[in-house]
Amino acid sequence: MYSTILVLGPFNSFESKLSIGHPIVDIIDPADNNKIIESDVVNTVPDQIKIIGTVGATNAPVSLQWRGGGAFPGVPTADWQIVGQKGILRLTSLTWAQNVGMPGTKIELFDMVTGKVEVLELEADEWTDLPIQARNIARVYEAYRKKEWYPDWEWAVRRHEFLEELWRSFDEGSM
């Protein structure tokens, strides 16, 4: 959701539905080939999330959906599409952590006028050769040094207020 808000801006208004689609889960260790640490644990965290709202000065409609469970074989875990009047921007990835820049992430632009799809390449910067986990941290420190925008305390509070509203909706069972 962090990436969505950075790209599109905060929601002007939204409705959400959170639910538990997998009430019993296994706790796994992804660092150990998904070894099961504990079996048949009661899940208390929503793993089905839907958000419908508007963003920007034009109140552009946005719909987001995340779901728990495994990915369909051969299909990227994340498929984010921004549909405009003249084209579609599509980001696919093997993970939802798009802000980290994981390998396998692909950005494509479909031009509805020409019917052509172009693969967009991200430009390398001075931080590209760092380990993946360090890249965004380096970019935040660089933005701070240059007095450019970076997520600050006020920004974090607004994100937490948004998340609190999602949880309230889940707790109340409302849509």
Foldseek 3Di string as FASTA:
>chain_A
DVVCCVVFNDFPDKDKFFDAPDQFAFDFDVVVVRHGPGGGDGDPGTFWMWMWTATDPVRHIDIDIGGDDDDDPPAANDWDWDDDPFKIWIWGHNDPVVVLPDPPIWIWIQGNVVRDIDTDDDDDDPQNPPPSVCRVVVVQVVCVVVVHDDDDPVNVVVVVVVVVVNVVCHVVVHD
